[in-house]
mmCIF file of all heavy atoms, coordinates in Angstrom:
data_MODEL
# 
_entry.id   MODEL 
# 
loop_
_atom_site.group_PDB 
_atom_site.id 
_atom_site.type_symbol 
_atom_site.label_atom_id 
_atom_site.label_alt_id 
_atom_site.label_comp_id 
_atom_site.label_asym_id 
_atom_site.label_entity_id 
_atom_site.label_seq_id 
_atom_site.pdbx_PDB_ins_code 
_atom_site.Cartn_x 
_atom_site.Cartn_y 
_atom_site.Cartn_z 
_atom_site.occupancy 
_atom_site.B_iso_or_equiv 
_atom_site.pdbx_formal_charge 
_atom_site.auth_seq_id 
_atom_site.auth_comp_id 
_atom_site.auth_asym_id 
_atom_site.auth_atom_id 
_atom_site.pdbx_PDB_model_num 
ATOM 1   N N   . ILE A 1 1  ? -11.047 3.660   -3.554 1.00 0.00 ? 1  ILE A N   1 
ATOM 2   C CA  . ILE A 1 1  ? -9.761  3.873   -2.878 1.00 0.00 ? 1  ILE A CA  1 
ATOM 3   C C   . ILE A 1 1  ? -9.528  5.411   -2.481 1.00 0.00 ? 1  ILE A C   1 
ATOM 4   O O   . ILE A 1 1  ? -8.923  5.535   -1.397 1.00 0.00 ? 1  ILE A O   1 
ATOM 5   C CB  . ILE A 1 1  ? -8.598  3.280   -3.747 1.00 0.00 ? 1  ILE A CB  1 
ATOM 6   C CG1 . ILE A 1 1  ? -8.743  1.799   -3.759 1.00 0.00 ? 1  ILE A CG1 1 
ATOM 7   C CG2 . ILE A 1 1  ? -7.202  3.635   -3.097 1.00 0.00 ? 1  ILE A CG2 1 
ATOM 8   C CD1 . ILE A 1 1  ? -7.714  1.163   -4.605 1.00 0.00 ? 1  ILE A CD1 1 
ATOM 9   N N   . ASP A 1 2  ? -9.941  6.233   -3.370 1.00 0.00 ? 2  ASP A N   1 
ATOM 10  C CA  . ASP A 1 2  ? -9.654  7.606   -3.022 1.00 0.00 ? 2  ASP A CA  1 
ATOM 11  C C   . ASP A 1 2  ? -10.477 8.208   -2.011 1.00 0.00 ? 2  ASP A C   1 
ATOM 12  O O   . ASP A 1 2  ? -10.406 9.274   -1.376 1.00 0.00 ? 2  ASP A O   1 
ATOM 13  C CB  . ASP A 1 2  ? -9.980  8.531   -4.372 1.00 0.00 ? 2  ASP A CB  1 
ATOM 14  C CG  . ASP A 1 2  ? -11.278 8.300   -4.982 1.00 0.00 ? 2  ASP A CG  1 
ATOM 15  O OD1 . ASP A 1 2  ? -11.974 7.563   -4.434 1.00 0.00 ? 2  ASP A OD1 1 
ATOM 16  O OD2 . ASP A 1 2  ? -11.545 8.956   -5.958 1.00 0.00 ? 2  ASP A OD2 1 
ATOM 17  N N   . LYS A 1 3  ? -11.515 7.351   -1.551 1.00 0.00 ? 3  LYS A N   1 
ATOM 18  C CA  . LYS A 1 3  ? -12.450 7.731   -0.366 1.00 0.00 ? 3  LYS A CA  1 
ATOM 19  C C   . LYS A 1 3  ? -11.761 7.247   1.019  1.00 0.00 ? 3  LYS A C   1 
ATOM 20  O O   . LYS A 1 3  ? -12.166 7.580   1.948  1.00 0.00 ? 3  LYS A O   1 
ATOM 21  C CB  . LYS A 1 3  ? -13.821 7.126   -0.475 1.00 0.00 ? 3  LYS A CB  1 
ATOM 22  C CG  . LYS A 1 3  ? -14.607 7.522   -1.724 1.00 0.00 ? 3  LYS A CG  1 
ATOM 23  C CD  . LYS A 1 3  ? -15.092 8.977   -1.612 1.00 0.00 ? 3  LYS A CD  1 
ATOM 24  C CE  . LYS A 1 3  ? -15.982 9.286   -2.806 1.00 0.00 ? 3  LYS A CE  1 
ATOM 25  N NZ  . LYS A 1 3  ? -16.360 10.722  -2.722 1.00 0.00 ? 3  LYS A NZ  1 
ATOM 26  N N   . ILE A 1 4  ? -10.693 6.509   0.812  1.00 0.00 ? 4  ILE A N   1 
ATOM 27  C CA  . ILE A 1 4  ? -10.099 5.824   2.035  1.00 0.00 ? 4  ILE A CA  1 
ATOM 28  C C   . ILE A 1 4  ? -8.713  6.479   2.170  1.00 0.00 ? 4  ILE A C   1 
ATOM 29  O O   . ILE A 1 4  ? -8.245  6.803   3.259  1.00 0.00 ? 4  ILE A O   1 
ATOM 30  C CB  . ILE A 1 4  ? -9.989  4.372   1.972  1.00 0.00 ? 4  ILE A CB  1 
ATOM 31  C CG1 . ILE A 1 4  ? -11.424 3.716   1.796  1.00 0.00 ? 4  ILE A CG1 1 
ATOM 32  C CG2 . ILE A 1 4  ? -9.208  3.749   3.187  1.00 0.00 ? 4  ILE A CG2 1 
ATOM 33  C CD1 . ILE A 1 4  ? -11.404 2.238   1.577  1.00 0.00 ? 4  ILE A CD1 1 
ATOM 34  N N   . PHE A 1 5  ? -7.936  6.397   1.010  1.00 0.00 ? 5  PHE A N   1 
ATOM 35  C CA  . PHE A 1 5  ? -6.527  6.958   1.131  1.00 0.00 ? 5  PHE A CA  1 
ATOM 36  C C   . PHE A 1 5  ? -6.333  8.282   0.458  1.00 0.00 ? 5  PHE A C   1 
ATOM 37  O O   . PHE A 1 5  ? -6.771  8.487   -0.720 1.00 0.00 ? 5  PHE A O   1 
ATOM 38  C CB  . PHE A 1 5  ? -5.636  5.836   0.430  1.00 0.00 ? 5  PHE A CB  1 
ATOM 39  C CG  . PHE A 1 5  ? -5.753  4.430   0.981  1.00 0.00 ? 5  PHE A CG  1 
ATOM 40  C CD1 . PHE A 1 5  ? -6.464  3.474   0.396  1.00 0.00 ? 5  PHE A CD1 1 
ATOM 41  C CD2 . PHE A 1 5  ? -5.179  4.146   2.256  1.00 0.00 ? 5  PHE A CD2 1 
ATOM 42  C CE1 . PHE A 1 5  ? -6.552  2.152   0.985  1.00 0.00 ? 5  PHE A CE1 1 
ATOM 43  C CE2 . PHE A 1 5  ? -5.215  2.795   2.819  1.00 0.00 ? 5  PHE A CE2 1 
ATOM 44  C CZ  . PHE A 1 5  ? -5.999  1.937   2.121  1.00 0.00 ? 5  PHE A CZ  1 
ATOM 45  N N   . GLU A 1 6  ? -5.616  9.104   1.094  1.00 0.00 ? 6  GLU A N   1 
ATOM 46  C CA  . GLU A 1 6  ? -5.300  10.372  0.540  1.00 0.00 ? 6  GLU A CA  1 
ATOM 47  C C   . GLU A 1 6  ? -3.959  10.140  -0.361 1.00 0.00 ? 6  GLU A C   1 
ATOM 48  O O   . GLU A 1 6  ? -3.947  10.793  -1.495 1.00 0.00 ? 6  GLU A O   1 
ATOM 49  C CB  . GLU A 1 6  ? -4.887  11.349  1.612  1.00 0.00 ? 6  GLU A CB  1 
ATOM 50  C CG  . GLU A 1 6  ? -4.434  12.740  1.141  1.00 0.00 ? 6  GLU A CG  1 
ATOM 51  C CD  . GLU A 1 6  ? -4.011  13.643  2.291  1.00 0.00 ? 6  GLU A CD  1 
ATOM 52  O OE1 . GLU A 1 6  ? -4.757  13.562  3.433  1.00 0.00 ? 6  GLU A OE1 1 
ATOM 53  O OE2 . GLU A 1 6  ? -3.103  14.424  2.120  1.00 0.00 ? 6  GLU A OE2 1 
ATOM 54  N N   . GLU A 1 7  ? -3.181  9.260   0.005  1.00 0.00 ? 7  GLU A N   1 
ATOM 55  C CA  . GLU A 1 7  ? -1.947  8.888   -0.815 1.00 0.00 ? 7  GLU A CA  1 
ATOM 56  C C   . GLU A 1 7  ? -1.785  7.364   -0.719 1.00 0.00 ? 7  GLU A C   1 
ATOM 57  O O   . GLU A 1 7  ? -2.178  6.833   0.256  1.00 0.00 ? 7  GLU A O   1 
ATOM 58  C CB  . GLU A 1 7  ? -0.691  9.500   -0.242 1.00 0.00 ? 7  GLU A CB  1 
ATOM 59  C CG  . GLU A 1 7  ? -0.773  11.121  -0.207 1.00 0.00 ? 7  GLU A CG  1 
ATOM 60  C CD  . GLU A 1 7  ? 0.448   11.687  0.501  1.00 0.00 ? 7  GLU A CD  1 
ATOM 61  O OE1 . GLU A 1 7  ? 1.473   10.892  0.784  1.00 0.00 ? 7  GLU A OE1 1 
ATOM 62  O OE2 . GLU A 1 7  ? 0.484   12.857  0.678  1.00 0.00 ? 7  GLU A OE2 1 
ATOM 63  N N   . PHE A 1 8  ? -1.268  6.833   -1.865 1.00 0.00 ? 8  PHE A N   1 
ATOM 64  C CA  . PHE A 1 8  ? -0.969  5.364   -1.824 1.00 0.00 ? 8  PHE A CA  1 
ATOM 65  C C   . PHE A 1 8  ? 0.181   5.100   -2.761 1.00 0.00 ? 8  PHE A C   1 
ATOM 66  O O   . PHE A 1 8  ? 0.190   5.362   -3.960 1.00 0.00 ? 8  PHE A O   1 
ATOM 67  C CB  . PHE A 1 8  ? -2.191  4.632   -2.453 1.00 0.00 ? 8  PHE A CB  1 
ATOM 68  C CG  . PHE A 1 8  ? -2.089  3.094   -2.153 1.00 0.00 ? 8  PHE A CG  1 
ATOM 69  C CD1 . PHE A 1 8  ? -2.785  2.608   -1.074 1.00 0.00 ? 8  PHE A CD1 1 
ATOM 70  C CD2 . PHE A 1 8  ? -1.290  2.319   -2.939 1.00 0.00 ? 8  PHE A CD2 1 
ATOM 71  C CE1 . PHE A 1 8  ? -2.794  1.229   -0.842 1.00 0.00 ? 8  PHE A CE1 1 
ATOM 72  C CE2 . PHE A 1 8  ? -1.278  0.911   -2.716 1.00 0.00 ? 8  PHE A CE2 1 
ATOM 73  C CZ  . PHE A 1 8  ? -2.004  0.470   -1.663 1.00 0.00 ? 8  PHE A CZ  1 
ATOM 74  N N   . ASN A 1 9  ? 1.253   4.765   -2.106 1.00 0.00 ? 9  ASN A N   1 
ATOM 75  C CA  . ASN A 1 9  ? 2.500   4.439   -2.834 1.00 0.00 ? 9  ASN A CA  1 
ATOM 76  C C   . ASN A 1 9  ? 2.492   3.102   -3.522 1.00 0.00 ? 9  ASN A C   1 
ATOM 77  O O   . ASN A 1 9  ? 2.408   2.094   -2.852 1.00 0.00 ? 9  ASN A O   1 
ATOM 78  C CB  . ASN A 1 9  ? 3.725   4.579   -1.883 1.00 0.00 ? 9  ASN A CB  1 
ATOM 79  C CG  . ASN A 1 9  ? 5.067   4.388   -2.614 1.00 0.00 ? 9  ASN A CG  1 
ATOM 80  O OD1 . ASN A 1 9  ? 5.103   4.002   -3.769 1.00 0.00 ? 9  ASN A OD1 1 
ATOM 81  N ND2 . ASN A 1 9  ? 6.141   4.524   -1.918 1.00 0.00 ? 9  ASN A ND2 1 
ATOM 82  N N   . GLU A 1 10 ? 2.410   3.098   -4.828 1.00 0.00 ? 10 GLU A N   1 
ATOM 83  C CA  . GLU A 1 10 ? 2.163   1.759   -5.582 1.00 0.00 ? 10 GLU A CA  1 
ATOM 84  C C   . GLU A 1 10 ? 3.426   0.918   -5.705 1.00 0.00 ? 10 GLU A C   1 
ATOM 85  O O   . GLU A 1 10 ? 3.464   -0.048  -6.377 1.00 0.00 ? 10 GLU A O   1 
ATOM 86  C CB  . GLU A 1 10 ? 1.586   2.043   -7.005 1.00 0.00 ? 10 GLU A CB  1 
ATOM 87  C CG  . GLU A 1 10 ? 0.121   2.731   -6.809 1.00 0.00 ? 10 GLU A CG  1 
ATOM 88  C CD  . GLU A 1 10 ? -0.487  2.794   -8.158 1.00 0.00 ? 10 GLU A CD  1 
ATOM 89  O OE1 . GLU A 1 10 ? 0.080   2.351   -9.222 1.00 0.00 ? 10 GLU A OE1 1 
ATOM 90  O OE2 . GLU A 1 10 ? -1.660  3.320   -8.181 1.00 0.00 ? 10 GLU A OE2 1 
ATOM 91  N N   . THR A 1 11 ? 4.537   1.387   -5.134 1.00 0.00 ? 11 THR A N   1 
ATOM 92  C CA  . THR A 1 11 ? 5.730   0.548   -5.165 1.00 0.00 ? 11 THR A CA  1 
ATOM 93  C C   . THR A 1 11 ? 5.925   -0.158  -3.815 1.00 0.00 ? 11 THR A C   1 
ATOM 94  O O   . THR A 1 11 ? 5.818   0.353   -2.719 1.00 0.00 ? 11 THR A O   1 
ATOM 95  C CB  . THR A 1 11 ? 7.024   1.391   -5.220 1.00 0.00 ? 11 THR A CB  1 
ATOM 96  O OG1 . THR A 1 11 ? 6.918   2.224   -6.422 1.00 0.00 ? 11 THR A OG1 1 
ATOM 97  C CG2 . THR A 1 11 ? 8.247   0.555   -5.232 1.00 0.00 ? 11 THR A CG2 1 
ATOM 98  N N   . PRO A 1 12 ? 5.744   -1.535  -3.840 1.00 0.00 ? 12 PRO A N   1 
ATOM 99  C CA  . PRO A 1 12 ? 5.775   -2.351  -2.590 1.00 0.00 ? 12 PRO A CA  1 
ATOM 100 C C   . PRO A 1 12 ? 7.099   -2.207  -1.841 1.00 0.00 ? 12 PRO A C   1 
ATOM 101 O O   . PRO A 1 12 ? 8.078   -2.085  -2.401 1.00 0.00 ? 12 PRO A O   1 
ATOM 102 C CB  . PRO A 1 12 ? 5.486   -3.815  -3.064 1.00 0.00 ? 12 PRO A CB  1 
ATOM 103 C CG  . PRO A 1 12 ? 5.973   -3.744  -4.519 1.00 0.00 ? 12 PRO A CG  1 
ATOM 104 C CD  . PRO A 1 12 ? 5.659   -2.425  -5.126 1.00 0.00 ? 12 PRO A CD  1 
ATOM 105 N N   . ILE A 1 13 ? 6.912   -2.100  -0.495 1.00 0.00 ? 13 ILE A N   1 
ATOM 106 C CA  . ILE A 1 13 ? 8.135   -1.853  0.370  1.00 0.00 ? 13 ILE A CA  1 
ATOM 107 C C   . ILE A 1 13 ? 8.623   -3.398  0.839  1.00 0.00 ? 13 ILE A C   1 
ATOM 108 O O   . ILE A 1 13 ? 9.645   -3.471  1.378  1.00 0.00 ? 13 ILE A O   1 
ATOM 109 C CB  . ILE A 1 13 ? 7.786   -1.031  1.538  1.00 0.00 ? 13 ILE A CB  1 
ATOM 110 C CG1 . ILE A 1 13 ? 6.750   -1.616  2.434  1.00 0.00 ? 13 ILE A CG1 1 
ATOM 111 C CG2 . ILE A 1 13 ? 7.517   0.403   1.142  1.00 0.00 ? 13 ILE A CG2 1 
ATOM 112 C CD1 . ILE A 1 13 ? 6.522   -0.859  3.637  1.00 0.00 ? 13 ILE A CD1 1 
ATOM 113 N N   . ALA A 1 14 ? 7.724   -4.308  0.737  1.00 0.00 ? 14 ALA A N   1 
ATOM 114 C CA  . ALA A 1 14 ? 8.059   -5.744  1.113  1.00 0.00 ? 14 ALA A CA  1 
ATOM 115 C C   . ALA A 1 14 ? 7.173   -6.708  0.394  1.00 0.00 ? 14 ALA A C   1 
ATOM 116 O O   . ALA A 1 14 ? 6.034   -6.370  0.132  1.00 0.00 ? 14 ALA A O   1 
ATOM 117 C CB  . ALA A 1 14 ? 8.004   -5.888  2.617  1.00 0.00 ? 14 ALA A CB  1 
ATOM 118 N N   . ALA A 1 15 ? 7.663   -7.941  0.277  1.00 0.00 ? 15 ALA A N   1 
ATOM 119 C CA  . ALA A 1 15 ? 6.953   -9.012  -0.343 1.00 0.00 ? 15 ALA A CA  1 
ATOM 120 C C   . ALA A 1 15 ? 7.180   -10.234 0.358  1.00 0.00 ? 15 ALA A C   1 
ATOM 121 O O   . ALA A 1 15 ? 8.409   -10.610 0.762  1.00 0.00 ? 15 ALA A O   1 
ATOM 122 C CB  . ALA A 1 15 ? 7.371   -9.216  -1.772 1.00 0.00 ? 15 ALA A CB  1 
ATOM 123 N N   . ALA A 1 16 ? 6.087   -10.919 0.835  1.00 0.00 ? 16 ALA A N   1 
ATOM 124 C CA  . ALA A 1 16 ? 6.188   -12.184 1.673  1.00 0.00 ? 16 ALA A CA  1 
ATOM 125 C C   . ALA A 1 16 ? 5.521   -13.344 0.814  1.00 0.00 ? 16 ALA A C   1 
ATOM 126 O O   . ALA A 1 16 ? 5.016   -13.077 -0.311 1.00 0.00 ? 16 ALA A O   1 
ATOM 127 C CB  . ALA A 1 16 ? 5.455   -12.006 2.923  1.00 0.00 ? 16 ALA A CB  1 
ATOM 128 N N   . SER A 1 17 ? 5.552   -14.507 1.294  1.00 0.00 ? 17 SER A N   1 
ATOM 129 C CA  . SER A 1 17 ? 5.070   -15.655 0.709  1.00 0.00 ? 17 SER A CA  1 
ATOM 130 C C   . SER A 1 17 ? 3.610   -15.652 0.512  1.00 0.00 ? 17 SER A C   1 
ATOM 131 O O   . SER A 1 17 ? 3.026   -16.134 -0.510 1.00 0.00 ? 17 SER A O   1 
ATOM 132 C CB  . SER A 1 17 ? 5.414   -16.898 1.440  1.00 0.00 ? 17 SER A CB  1 
ATOM 133 O OG  . SER A 1 17 ? 4.960   -16.823 2.717  1.00 0.00 ? 17 SER A OG  1 
ATOM 134 N N   . LEU A 1 18 ? 2.868   -14.830 1.364  1.00 0.00 ? 18 LEU A N   1 
ATOM 135 C CA  . LEU A 1 18 ? 1.418   -14.788 1.330  1.00 0.00 ? 18 LEU A CA  1 
ATOM 136 C C   . LEU A 1 18 ? 0.829   -13.430 0.771  1.00 0.00 ? 18 LEU A C   1 
ATOM 137 O O   . LEU A 1 18 ? -0.221  -13.273 0.303  1.00 0.00 ? 18 LEU A O   1 
ATOM 138 C CB  . LEU A 1 18 ? 0.711   -15.077 2.635  1.00 0.00 ? 18 LEU A CB  1 
ATOM 139 C CG  . LEU A 1 18 ? 1.015   -16.553 3.248  1.00 0.00 ? 18 LEU A CG  1 
ATOM 140 C CD1 . LEU A 1 18 ? 0.242   -16.613 4.486  1.00 0.00 ? 18 LEU A CD1 1 
ATOM 141 C CD2 . LEU A 1 18 ? 0.786   -17.616 2.315  1.00 0.00 ? 18 LEU A CD2 1 
ATOM 142 N N   . GLY A 1 19 ? 1.628   -12.433 1.016  1.00 0.00 ? 19 GLY A N   1 
ATOM 143 C CA  . GLY A 1 19 ? 1.145   -11.058 0.691  1.00 0.00 ? 19 GLY A CA  1 
ATOM 144 C C   . GLY A 1 19 ? 2.281   -10.061 0.315  1.00 0.00 ? 19 GLY A C   1 
ATOM 145 O O   . GLY A 1 19 ? 3.460   -10.494 0.303  1.00 0.00 ? 19 GLY A O   1 
ATOM 146 N N   . GLN A 1 20 ? 1.852   -8.788  0.060  1.00 0.00 ? 20 GLN A N   1 
ATOM 147 C CA  . GLN A 1 20 ? 2.707   -7.762  -0.314 1.00 0.00 ? 20 GLN A CA  1 
ATOM 148 C C   . GLN A 1 20 ? 2.397   -6.514  0.399  1.00 0.00 ? 20 GLN A C   1 
ATOM 149 O O   . GLN A 1 20 ? 1.202   -6.343  0.740  1.00 0.00 ? 20 GLN A O   1 
ATOM 150 C CB  . GLN A 1 20 ? 2.627   -7.547  -1.812 1.00 0.00 ? 20 GLN A CB  1 
ATOM 151 C CG  . GLN A 1 20 ? 3.805   -6.902  -2.487 1.00 0.00 ? 20 GLN A CG  1 
ATOM 152 C CD  . GLN A 1 20 ? 3.782   -7.238  -3.924 1.00 0.00 ? 20 GLN A CD  1 
ATOM 153 O OE1 . GLN A 1 20 ? 4.368   -8.270  -4.322 1.00 0.00 ? 20 GLN A OE1 1 
ATOM 154 N NE2 . GLN A 1 20 ? 3.226   -6.389  -4.738 1.00 0.00 ? 20 GLN A NE2 1 
ATOM 155 N N   . VAL A 1 21 ? 3.322   -5.632  0.819  1.00 0.00 ? 21 VAL A N   1 
ATOM 156 C CA  . VAL A 1 21 ? 3.095   -4.585  1.780  1.00 0.00 ? 21 VAL A CA  1 
ATOM 157 C C   . VAL A 1 21 ? 3.367   -3.326  1.010  1.00 0.00 ? 21 VAL A C   1 
ATOM 158 O O   . VAL A 1 21 ? 4.355   -3.120  0.265  1.00 0.00 ? 21 VAL A O   1 
ATOM 159 C CB  . VAL A 1 21 ? 4.026   -4.711  3.006  1.00 0.00 ? 21 VAL A CB  1 
ATOM 160 C CG1 . VAL A 1 21 ? 3.736   -3.570  3.900  1.00 0.00 ? 21 VAL A CG1 1 
ATOM 161 C CG2 . VAL A 1 21 ? 3.780   -5.947  3.619  1.00 0.00 ? 21 VAL A CG2 1 
ATOM 162 N N   . TYR A 1 22 ? 2.401   -2.278  1.272  1.00 0.00 ? 22 TYR A N   1 
ATOM 163 C CA  . TYR A 1 22 ? 2.582   -0.910  0.657  1.00 0.00 ? 22 TYR A CA  1 
ATOM 164 C C   . TYR A 1 22 ? 2.470   0.122   1.650  1.00 0.00 ? 22 TYR A C   1 
ATOM 165 O O   . TYR A 1 22 ? 1.887   -0.076  2.779  1.00 0.00 ? 22 TYR A O   1 
ATOM 166 C CB  . TYR A 1 22 ? 1.440   -0.825  -0.398 1.00 0.00 ? 22 TYR A CB  1 
ATOM 167 C CG  . TYR A 1 22 ? 1.573   -1.732  -1.648 1.00 0.00 ? 22 TYR A CG  1 
ATOM 168 C CD1 . TYR A 1 22 ? 0.897   -3.003  -1.609 1.00 0.00 ? 22 TYR A CD1 1 
ATOM 169 C CD2 . TYR A 1 22 ? 2.157   -1.315  -2.762 1.00 0.00 ? 22 TYR A CD2 1 
ATOM 170 C CE1 . TYR A 1 22 ? 0.956   -3.849  -2.596 1.00 0.00 ? 22 TYR A CE1 1 
ATOM 171 C CE2 . TYR A 1 22 ? 2.160   -2.063  -3.860 1.00 0.00 ? 22 TYR A CE2 1 
ATOM 172 C CZ  . TYR A 1 22 ? 1.632   -3.421  -3.790 1.00 0.00 ? 22 TYR A CZ  1 
ATOM 173 O OH  . TYR A 1 22 ? 1.585   -4.201  -4.926 1.00 0.00 ? 22 TYR A OH  1 
ATOM 174 N N   . GLU A 1 23 ? 2.932   1.259   1.427  1.00 0.00 ? 23 GLU A N   1 
ATOM 175 C CA  . GLU A 1 23 ? 2.779   2.417   2.324  1.00 0.00 ? 23 GLU A CA  1 
ATOM 176 C C   . GLU A 1 23 ? 1.648   3.283   1.724  1.00 0.00 ? 23 GLU A C   1 
ATOM 177 O O   . GLU A 1 23 ? 1.466   3.404   0.545  1.00 0.00 ? 23 GLU A O   1 
ATOM 178 C CB  . GLU A 1 23 ? 4.016   3.295   2.268  1.00 0.00 ? 23 GLU A CB  1 
ATOM 179 C CG  . GLU A 1 23 ? 5.136   2.631   3.092  1.00 0.00 ? 23 GLU A CG  1 
ATOM 180 C CD  . GLU A 1 23 ? 6.421   3.569   3.005  1.00 0.00 ? 23 GLU A CD  1 
ATOM 181 O OE1 . GLU A 1 23 ? 6.726   4.008   1.900  1.00 0.00 ? 23 GLU A OE1 1 
ATOM 182 O OE2 . GLU A 1 23 ? 7.090   3.720   4.017  1.00 0.00 ? 23 GLU A OE2 1 
ATOM 183 N N   . ALA A 1 24 ? 0.817   3.956   2.684  1.00 0.00 ? 24 ALA A N   1 
ATOM 184 C CA  . ALA A 1 24 ? -0.185  4.787   2.234  1.00 0.00 ? 24 ALA A CA  1 
ATOM 185 C C   . ALA A 1 24 ? -0.614  5.747   3.413  1.00 0.00 ? 24 ALA A C   1 
ATOM 186 O O   . ALA A 1 24 ? 0.010   5.759   4.444  1.00 0.00 ? 24 ALA A O   1 
ATOM 187 C CB  . ALA A 1 24 ? -1.457  3.931   1.986  1.00 0.00 ? 24 ALA A CB  1 
ATOM 188 N N   . LYS A 1 25 ? -1.442  6.740   3.089  1.00 0.00 ? 25 LYS A N   1 
ATOM 189 C CA  . LYS A 1 25 ? -1.848  7.690   4.024  1.00 0.00 ? 25 LYS A CA  1 
ATOM 190 C C   . LYS A 1 25 ? -3.531  7.865   3.974  1.00 0.00 ? 25 LYS A C   1 
ATOM 191 O O   . LYS A 1 25 ? -3.931  7.974   2.885  1.00 0.00 ? 25 LYS A O   1 
ATOM 192 C CB  . LYS A 1 25 ? -1.282  9.067   3.727  1.00 0.00 ? 25 LYS A CB  1 
ATOM 193 C CG  . LYS A 1 25 ? -1.519  10.116  4.787  1.00 0.00 ? 25 LYS A CG  1 
ATOM 194 C CD  . LYS A 1 25 ? -0.841  11.406  4.427  1.00 0.00 ? 25 LYS A CD  1 
ATOM 195 C CE  . LYS A 1 25 ? -1.050  12.451  5.513  1.00 0.00 ? 25 LYS A CE  1 
ATOM 196 N NZ  . LYS A 1 25 ? -0.278  13.786  5.213  1.00 0.00 ? 25 LYS A NZ  1 
ATOM 197 N N   . LEU A 1 26 ? -4.002  7.656   5.151  1.00 0.00 ? 26 LEU A N   1 
ATOM 198 C CA  . LEU A 1 26 ? -5.559  7.647   5.119  1.00 0.00 ? 26 LEU A CA  1 
ATOM 199 C C   . LEU A 1 26 ? -6.057  9.097   4.934  1.00 0.00 ? 26 LEU A C   1 
ATOM 200 O O   . LEU A 1 26 ? -5.309  10.086  5.226  1.00 0.00 ? 26 LEU A O   1 
ATOM 201 C CB  . LEU A 1 26 ? -6.000  7.126   6.367  1.00 0.00 ? 26 LEU A CB  1 
ATOM 202 C CG  . LEU A 1 26 ? -5.655  5.618   6.722  1.00 0.00 ? 26 LEU A CG  1 
ATOM 203 C CD1 . LEU A 1 26 ? -6.156  5.225   8.124  1.00 0.00 ? 26 LEU A CD1 1 
ATOM 204 C CD2 . LEU A 1 26 ? -6.409  4.722   5.709  1.00 0.00 ? 26 LEU A CD2 1 
# 
């Protein structure tokens, strides 16, 4: 993951019936 994302916020910003959404920086 550290080879793809410079930052990854582990607190989800949204949750849906099929998945969960996070903010990150490549």
